[in-house]
Amino acid sequence: MAQKSLFKNKRNPSQKAVAVNRHGKVAKTKKGNLTAPPKKASLLKAYSDNKALTTAINKRNEKTAVGKAAHAGGRLRTMQPPVNGTADQKQKSKAAATNK
């Protein structure tokens, strides 16, 4: 059995070293949904079914919350994301703005 500390003059192996090329910059946390769909067809079908089910449940919960708030005399509206154009329209509008 070991009688001495295993990490006497070494750094703790559970800590990662700071990247050499960071030069004092703070690591940025990515925001938003970071889940990617699986690549296998069988898993992709299950993933899409689960995602559709989750979406339906969330919509139902939001409608229920709005109904309860309205019944209690308050006013609650669900926010819808703004309807943006397709990626092609965005690129065309950017190109038109830079050409002016």
Protein backbone atom coordinates (compact mmCIF):
# COMPACT_ATOMS: atom_id res chain seq x y z
CA MET A 1 0.00 0.00 0.00
CA ALA A 2 1.17 3.52 -0.71
CA GLN A 3 2.42 5.38 2.34
CA LYS A 4 2.96 8.77 0.71
CA SER A 5 0.87 11.11 -1.39
CA LEU A 6 0.80 10.07 -5.03
CA PHE A 7 0.58 13.67 -6.26
CA LYS A 8 3.33 15.24 -4.13
CA ASN A 9 5.12 17.35 -6.73
CA LYS A 10 2.79 16.85 -9.66
CA ARG A 11 -0.27 18.77 -10.70
CA ASN A 12 -3.66 17.26 -10.04
CA PRO A 13 -4.51 15.10 -13.09
CA SER A 14 -8.19 16.05 -12.91
CA GLN A 15 -7.40 19.68 -13.83
CA LYS A 16 -6.82 20.56 -17.45
CA ALA A 17 -4.03 22.94 -18.40
CA VAL A 18 -4.98 26.28 -19.93
CA ALA A 19 -4.64 26.28 -23.72
CA VAL A 20 -1.40 27.86 -24.88
CA ASN A 21 -3.03 29.99 -27.58
CA ARG A 22 -5.66 31.58 -25.32
CA HIS A 23 -3.48 34.52 -24.24
CA GLY A 24 -5.68 35.59 -21.32
CA LYS A 25 -8.99 35.36 -23.19
CA VAL A 26 -12.01 34.05 -21.32
CA ALA A 27 -13.65 30.87 -22.60
CA LYS A 28 -17.03 31.64 -24.18
CA THR A 29 -20.01 29.50 -23.28
CA LYS A 30 -22.07 28.57 -26.33
CA LYS A 31 -25.73 29.36 -25.93
CA GLY A 32 -28.70 27.59 -27.37
CA ASN A 33 -29.58 24.03 -28.19
CA LEU A 34 -26.40 22.05 -28.74
CA THR A 35 -27.92 18.65 -29.44
CA ALA A 36 -27.24 17.24 -32.86
CA PRO A 37 -29.43 14.55 -34.39
CA PRO A 38 -27.88 11.07 -34.62
CA LYS A 39 -26.51 9.85 -37.92
CA LYS A 40 -27.91 6.31 -37.87
CA ALA A 41 -31.27 6.06 -39.60
CA SER A 42 -32.91 3.99 -36.86
CA LEU A 43 -31.79 6.39 -34.14
CA LEU A 44 -32.69 9.41 -36.29
CA LYS A 45 -36.31 8.27 -36.55
CA ALA A 46 -36.56 7.81 -32.77
CA TYR A 47 -34.89 11.21 -32.26
CA SER A 48 -37.30 13.00 -34.60
CA ASP A 49 -40.31 11.26 -33.03
CA ASN A 50 -39.14 12.27 -29.55
CA LYS A 51 -38.53 15.84 -30.70
CA ALA A 52 -42.02 16.06 -32.22
CA LEU A 53 -43.55 14.68 -29.03
CA THR A 54 -41.63 17.18 -26.90
CA THR A 55 -42.77 20.04 -29.13
CA ALA A 56 -46.41 18.94 -28.89
CA ILE A 57 -46.21 18.61 -25.10
CA ASN A 58 -44.62 22.06 -24.76
CA LYS A 59 -47.31 23.67 -26.93
CA ARG A 60 -50.01 21.98 -24.88
CA ASN A 61 -48.44 23.17 -21.61
CA GLU A 62 -48.22 26.74 -22.91
CA LYS A 63 -51.86 26.72 -24.01
CA THR A 64 -52.87 25.38 -20.59
CA ALA A 65 -50.92 28.12 -18.81
CA VAL A 66 -52.49 30.79 -21.02
CA GLY A 67 -55.96 29.37 -20.36
CA LYS A 68 -55.46 29.32 -16.60
CA ALA A 69 -54.14 32.89 -16.58
CA ALA A 70 -57.05 34.11 -18.70
CA HIS A 71 -59.54 32.29 -16.48
CA ALA A 72 -58.00 33.92 -13.39
CA GLY A 73 -58.50 37.35 -14.94
CA GLY A 74 -54.97 37.99 -16.09
CA ARG A 75 -53.59 38.34 -19.55
CA LEU A 76 -50.84 36.00 -20.69
CA ARG A 77 -49.71 35.59 -24.25
CA THR A 78 -47.20 33.15 -25.64
CA MET A 79 -44.37 34.77 -27.51
CA GLN A 80 -43.76 33.55 -31.02
CA PRO A 81 -40.33 33.88 -32.61
CA PRO A 82 -40.16 36.44 -35.41
CA VAL A 83 -40.73 35.00 -38.84
CA ASN A 84 -37.49 35.49 -40.72
CA GLY A 85 -36.92 34.88 -44.39
CA THR A 86 -34.98 31.96 -45.75
CA ALA A 87 -31.20 31.93 -45.82
CA ASP A 88 -31.22 32.80 -49.52
CA GLN A 89 -33.28 35.94 -48.90
CA LYS A 90 -30.95 36.98 -46.08
CA GLN A 91 -27.91 36.58 -48.32
CA LYS A 92 -29.59 38.55 -51.12
CA SER A 93 -30.51 41.38 -48.74
CA LYS A 94 -26.96 41.46 -47.36
CA ALA A 95 -25.53 41.58 -50.88
CA ALA A 96 -27.94 44.36 -51.84
CA ALA A 97 -26.98 46.36 -48.74
CA THR A 98 -23.24 46.05 -49.45
CA ASN A 99 -23.67 46.96 -53.13
CA LYS A 100 -25.37 50.28 -52.33
